[in-house]
C-alpha atoms as a PDB file:
ATOM      1  CA  UNK A   1      73.838 103.673  76.209  1.00  0.00           C
ATOM      2  CA  UNK A   2      74.014 100.861  78.821  1.00  0.00           C
ATOM      3  CA  UNK A   3      77.291  99.719  77.483  1.00  0.00           C
ATOM      4  CA  UNK A   4      78.919 103.177  78.566  1.00  0.00           C
ATOM      5  CA  UNK A   5      76.765 103.297  81.905  1.00  0.00           C
ATOM      6  CA  UNK A   6      78.454  99.620  82.521  1.00  0.00           C
ATOM      7  CA  UNK A   7      81.769 100.585  81.266  1.00  0.00           C
ATOM      8  CA  UNK A   8      81.738 103.692  83.730  1.00  0.00           C
ATOM      9  CA  UNK A   9      80.529 101.728  86.801  1.00  0.00           C
ATOM     10  CA  UNK A  10      83.155  99.681  86.347  1.00  0.00           C
ATOM     11  CA  UNK A  11      86.318 101.824  85.645  1.00  0.00           C
ATOM     12  CA  UNK A  12      85.123 103.634  88.637  1.00  0.00           C
ATOM     13  CA  UNK A  13      84.600 100.710  90.857  1.00  0.00           C
ATOM     14  CA  UNK A  14      88.304 100.049  89.689  1.00  0.00           C
ATOM     15  CA  UNK A  15      89.706 103.837  91.281  1.00  0.00           C
ATOM     16  CA  UNK A  16      87.428 103.428  94.206  1.00  0.00           C
ATOM     17  CA  UNK A  17      89.041 100.023  95.327  1.00  0.00           C
ATOM     18  CA  UNK A  18      92.678 100.922  93.965  1.00  0.00           C
ATOM     19  CA  UNK A  19      92.568 104.079  96.343  1.00  0.00           C
ATOM     20  CA  UNK A  20      90.626 102.328  99.448  1.00  0.00           C
ATOM     21  CA  UNK A  21      94.002  99.518  99.240  1.00  0.00           C
ATOM     22  CA  UNK A  22      96.467 102.222 100.362  1.00  0.00           C
ATOM     23  CA  UNK A  23      94.173 103.740 102.992  1.00  0.00           C
ATOM     24  CA  UNK A  24      92.974  99.995 104.840  1.00  0.00           C
ATOM     25  CA  UNK A  25      97.015  99.116 104.796  1.00  0.00           C
ATOM     26  CA  UNK A  26      97.870 101.812 106.750  1.00  0.00           C
ATOM     27  CA  UNK A  27      95.937 100.567 109.530  1.00  0.00           C
ATOM     28  CA  UNK A  28      97.585  97.136 109.612  1.00  0.00           C
ATOM     29  CA  UNK A  29      99.568  96.683 112.839  1.00  0.00           C
ATOM     30  CA  UNK A  30     101.735  94.055 110.604  1.00  0.00           C
ATOM     31  CA  UNK A  31     102.541  96.027 108.296  1.00  0.00           C
ATOM     32  CA  UNK A  32     105.037  98.660 110.453  1.00  0.00           C
ATOM     33  CA  UNK A  33     105.536  96.535 113.937  1.00  0.00           C
ATOM     34  CA  UNK A  34     106.785  93.506 114.913  1.00  0.00           C
ATOM     35  CA  UNK A  35     104.868  91.644 117.411  1.00  0.00           C
ATOM     36  CA  UNK A  36     107.692  89.793 118.169  1.00  0.00           C
ATOM     37  CA  UNK A  37     109.686  92.510 119.531  1.00  0.00           C
ATOM     38  CA  UNK A  38     108.000  93.711 122.970  1.00  0.00           C
ATOM     39  CA  UNK A  39     109.600  96.969 124.445  1.00  0.00           C
ATOM     40  CA  UNK A  40     108.750  98.159 127.498  1.00  0.00           C
ATOM     41  CA  UNK A  41     110.567 101.881 129.037  1.00  0.00           C
ATOM     42  CA  UNK A  42     110.379 104.434 131.802  1.00  0.00           C
ATOM     43  CA  UNK A  43     111.295 107.554 130.490  1.00  0.00           C
ATOM     44  CA  UNK A  44     110.103 111.174 130.612  1.00  0.00           C
ATOM     45  CA  UNK A  45     107.857 112.498 128.107  1.00  0.00           C
ATOM     46  CA  UNK A  46     108.714 115.163 125.774  1.00  0.00           C
ATOM     47  CA  UNK A  47     105.895 115.603 123.478  1.00  0.00           C
ATOM     48  CA  UNK A  48     102.562 114.386 122.739  1.00  0.00           C
ATOM     49  CA  UNK A  49     101.273 115.011 119.008  1.00  0.00           C
ATOM     50  CA  UNK A  50      97.831 115.311 118.825  1.00  0.00           C
ATOM     51  CA  UNK A  51      96.896 114.378 115.464  1.00  0.00           C
ATOM     52  CA  UNK A  52      94.863 112.683 113.147  1.00  0.00           C
ATOM     53  CA  UNK A  53      94.890 109.315 112.567  1.00  0.00           C
ATOM     54  CA  UNK A  54      97.329 108.854 115.059  1.00  0.00           C
ATOM     55  CA  UNK A  55      98.505 110.453 118.151  1.00  0.00           C
ATOM     56  CA  UNK A  56     102.139 110.165 118.739  1.00  0.00           C
ATOM     57  CA  UNK A  57     103.793 110.444 122.011  1.00  0.00           C
ATOM     58  CA  UNK A  58     107.747 111.131 122.534  1.00  0.00           C
ATOM     59  CA  UNK A  59     109.540 110.084 125.020  1.00  0.00           C
ATOM     60  CA  UNK A  60     113.280 110.326 126.496  1.00  0.00           C
ATOM     61  CA  UNK A  61     114.858 106.822 127.322  1.00  0.00           C
ATOM     62  CA  UNK A  62     117.823 106.523 129.529  1.00  0.00           C
ATOM     63  CA  UNK A  63     119.745 103.662 128.300  1.00  0.00           C
ATOM     64  CA  UNK A  64     122.097 102.044 130.589  1.00  0.00           C
ATOM     65  CA  UNK A  65     125.159 103.154 129.079  1.00  0.00           C
ATOM     66  CA  UNK A  66     123.502 106.704 130.258  1.00  0.00           C
ATOM     67  CA  UNK A  67     122.858 107.698 126.582  1.00  0.00           C
ATOM     68  CA  UNK A  68     119.387 109.508 126.332  1.00  0.00           C
ATOM     69  CA  UNK A  69     117.341 108.183 123.096  1.00  0.00           C
ATOM     70  CA  UNK A  70     113.719 109.690 122.272  1.00  0.00           C
ATOM     71  CA  UNK A  71     111.586 107.201 121.616  1.00  0.00           C
ATOM     72  CA  UNK A  72     108.311 107.721 118.952  1.00  0.00           C
ATOM     73  CA  UNK A  73     105.124 105.587 120.076  1.00  0.00           C
ATOM     74  CA  UNK A  74     102.014 105.317 117.778  1.00  0.00           C
ATOM     75  CA  UNK A  75      99.007 105.589 119.847  1.00  0.00           C
ATOM     76  CA  UNK A  76      95.226 105.660 119.006  1.00  0.00           C
ATOM     77  CA  UNK A  77      93.503 108.307 117.673  1.00  0.00           C
ATOM     78  CA  UNK A  78      92.926 111.449 119.287  1.00  0.00           C
ATOM     79  CA  UNK A  79      89.129 110.608 119.934  1.00  0.00           C
ATOM     80  CA  UNK A  80      89.646 107.060 121.066  1.00  0.00           C
ATOM     81  CA  UNK A  81      91.850 108.378 123.639  1.00  0.00           C
ATOM     82  CA  UNK A  82      90.016 111.226 124.314  1.00  0.00           C
ATOM     83  CA  UNK A  83      87.056 108.147 125.571  1.00  0.00           C
ATOM     84  CA  UNK A  84      89.961 106.663 127.422  1.00  0.00           C
ATOM     85  CA  UNK A  85      90.538 109.892 129.751  1.00  0.00           C
ATOM     86  CA  UNK A  86      93.181 111.767 127.974  1.00  0.00           C
ATOM     87  CA  UNK A  87      93.357 115.408 127.056  1.00  0.00           C
ATOM     88  CA  UNK A  88      96.008 117.184 125.356  1.00  0.00           C
ATOM     89  CA  UNK A  89      97.475 118.227 128.738  1.00  0.00           C
ATOM     90  CA  UNK A  90      97.441 114.806 129.988  1.00  0.00           C
ATOM     91  CA  UNK A  91     100.977 114.081 129.183  1.00  0.00           C
ATOM     92  CA  UNK A  92     103.063 117.310 129.403  1.00  0.00           C
ATOM     93  CA  UNK A  93     106.577 117.275 129.004  1.00  0.00           C
ATOM     94  CA  UNK A  94     108.402 115.978 131.938  1.00  0.00           C
ATOM     95  CA  UNK A  95     105.935 113.614 133.069  1.00  0.00           C
ATOM     96  CA  UNK A  96     107.619 110.295 134.179  1.00  0.00           C
ATOM     97  CA  UNK A  97     105.988 107.250 132.744  1.00  0.00           C
ATOM     98  CA  UNK A  98     106.418 103.322 131.946  1.00  0.00           C
ATOM     99  CA  UNK A  99     105.790 102.639 128.406  1.00  0.00           C
ATOM    100  CA  UNK A 100     105.423  99.485 126.564  1.00  0.00           C
ATOM    101  CA  UNK A 101     104.629  98.099 123.219  1.00  0.00           C
ATOM    102  CA  UNK A 102     105.953  96.772 120.056  1.00  0.00           C
ATOM    103  CA  UNK A 103     108.989  98.202 117.799  1.00  0.00           C
ATOM    104  CA  UNK A 104     109.138  98.963 114.535  1.00  0.00           C
ATOM    105  CA  UNK A 105     110.401  96.895 111.781  1.00  0.00           C
ATOM    106  CA  UNK A 106     112.948  98.919 110.789  1.00  0.00           C
ATOM    107  CA  UNK A 107     114.745  99.074 113.825  1.00  0.00           C
ATOM    108  CA  UNK A 108     114.279 102.475 114.536  1.00  0.00           C
ATOM    109  CA  UNK A 109     112.994 104.252 117.681  1.00  0.00           C
ATOM    110  CA  UNK A 110     109.638 103.920 117.234  1.00  0.00           C
ATOM    111  CA  UNK A 111     107.028 101.752 118.307  1.00  0.00           C
ATOM    112  CA  UNK A 112     103.462 101.123 118.406  1.00  0.00           C
ATOM    113  CA  UNK A 113     102.089 102.165 122.188  1.00  0.00           C
ATOM    114  CA  UNK A 114     100.192  99.242 123.923  1.00  0.00           C
ATOM    115  CA  UNK A 115      99.976 100.943 127.344  1.00  0.00           C
ATOM    116  CA  UNK A 116     100.901 103.275 129.484  1.00  0.00           C
ATOM    117  CA  UNK A 117     101.742 103.997 133.451  1.00  0.00           C
ATOM    118  CA  UNK A 118     101.838 106.719 135.533  1.00  0.00           C
ATOM    119  CA  UNK A 119     103.992 107.361 138.316  1.00  0.00           C
ATOM    120  CA  UNK A 120     100.990 107.221 140.414  1.00  0.00           C
ATOM    121  CA  UNK A 121     100.177 103.496 139.132  1.00  0.00           C
ATOM    122  CA  UNK A 122      97.181 104.662 136.841  1.00  0.00           C
ATOM    123  CA  UNK A 123      97.328 102.449 133.381  1.00  0.00           C
ATOM    124  CA  UNK A 124      95.890 103.201 130.501  1.00  0.00           C
ATOM    125  CA  UNK A 125      95.816 101.479 127.028  1.00  0.00           C
ATOM    126  CA  UNK A 126      97.912 103.623 124.663  1.00  0.00           C
ATOM    127  CA  UNK A 127      96.733 101.576 121.026  1.00  0.00           C
ATOM    128  CA  UNK A 128      93.679 101.779 119.080  1.00  0.00           C
ATOM    129  CA  UNK A 129      91.282  98.592 119.288  1.00  0.00           C
ATOM    130  CA  UNK A 130      91.174  95.894 116.117  1.00  0.00           C
ATOM    131  CA  UNK A 131      95.057  96.451 114.833  1.00  0.00           C
ATOM    132  CA  UNK A 132      95.841  93.302 114.707  1.00  0.00           C
ATOM    133  CA  UNK A 133      97.945  94.122 117.498  1.00  0.00           C
ATOM    134  CA  UNK A 134      99.145  91.203 120.094  1.00  0.00           C
ATOM    135  CA  UNK A 135      97.069  91.456 123.282  1.00  0.00           C
ATOM    136  CA  UNK A 136      97.795  89.843 126.575  1.00  0.00           C
ATOM    137  CA  UNK A 137      96.173  86.756 127.817  1.00  0.00           C
ATOM    138  CA  UNK A 138      95.369  86.439 131.223  1.00  0.00           C
ATOM    139  CA  UNK A 139      98.264  84.697 133.494  1.00  0.00           C
ATOM    140  CA  UNK A 140      98.314  80.845 132.866  1.00  0.00           C
ATOM    141  CA  UNK A 141      96.529  81.095 129.166  1.00  0.00           C
ATOM    142  CA  UNK A 142      98.377  80.540 126.165  1.00  0.00           C
END
């Protein structure tokens, strides 16, 4: 009886560990985004998608050649953004913004959003804390 209980405990533990690994990997910044490829775009919000586990911000960016690219920026969770002052109506389509972050490793028009600056100068942090994303050092520090 004890042997069966011990075996069941080991099997259950392995199953739970195997299931937890992909969930933890999802939150690793380095798995999807490249800290060596910072991006900064001025553009117009086309959509803000409030979904778990991350909010997505879509911005039309006009390139120097006149072409418009739609970029998707991954932000923090809806709860985290709400506590920072965002609401579902904070970034309506047509809102002019400056967004900076880090490009996806696959080179697509996706990035991990770091900060967003509004036309009136307000600046808010878009990311989740503890994601492994780079942080800015105060001027003069390395």
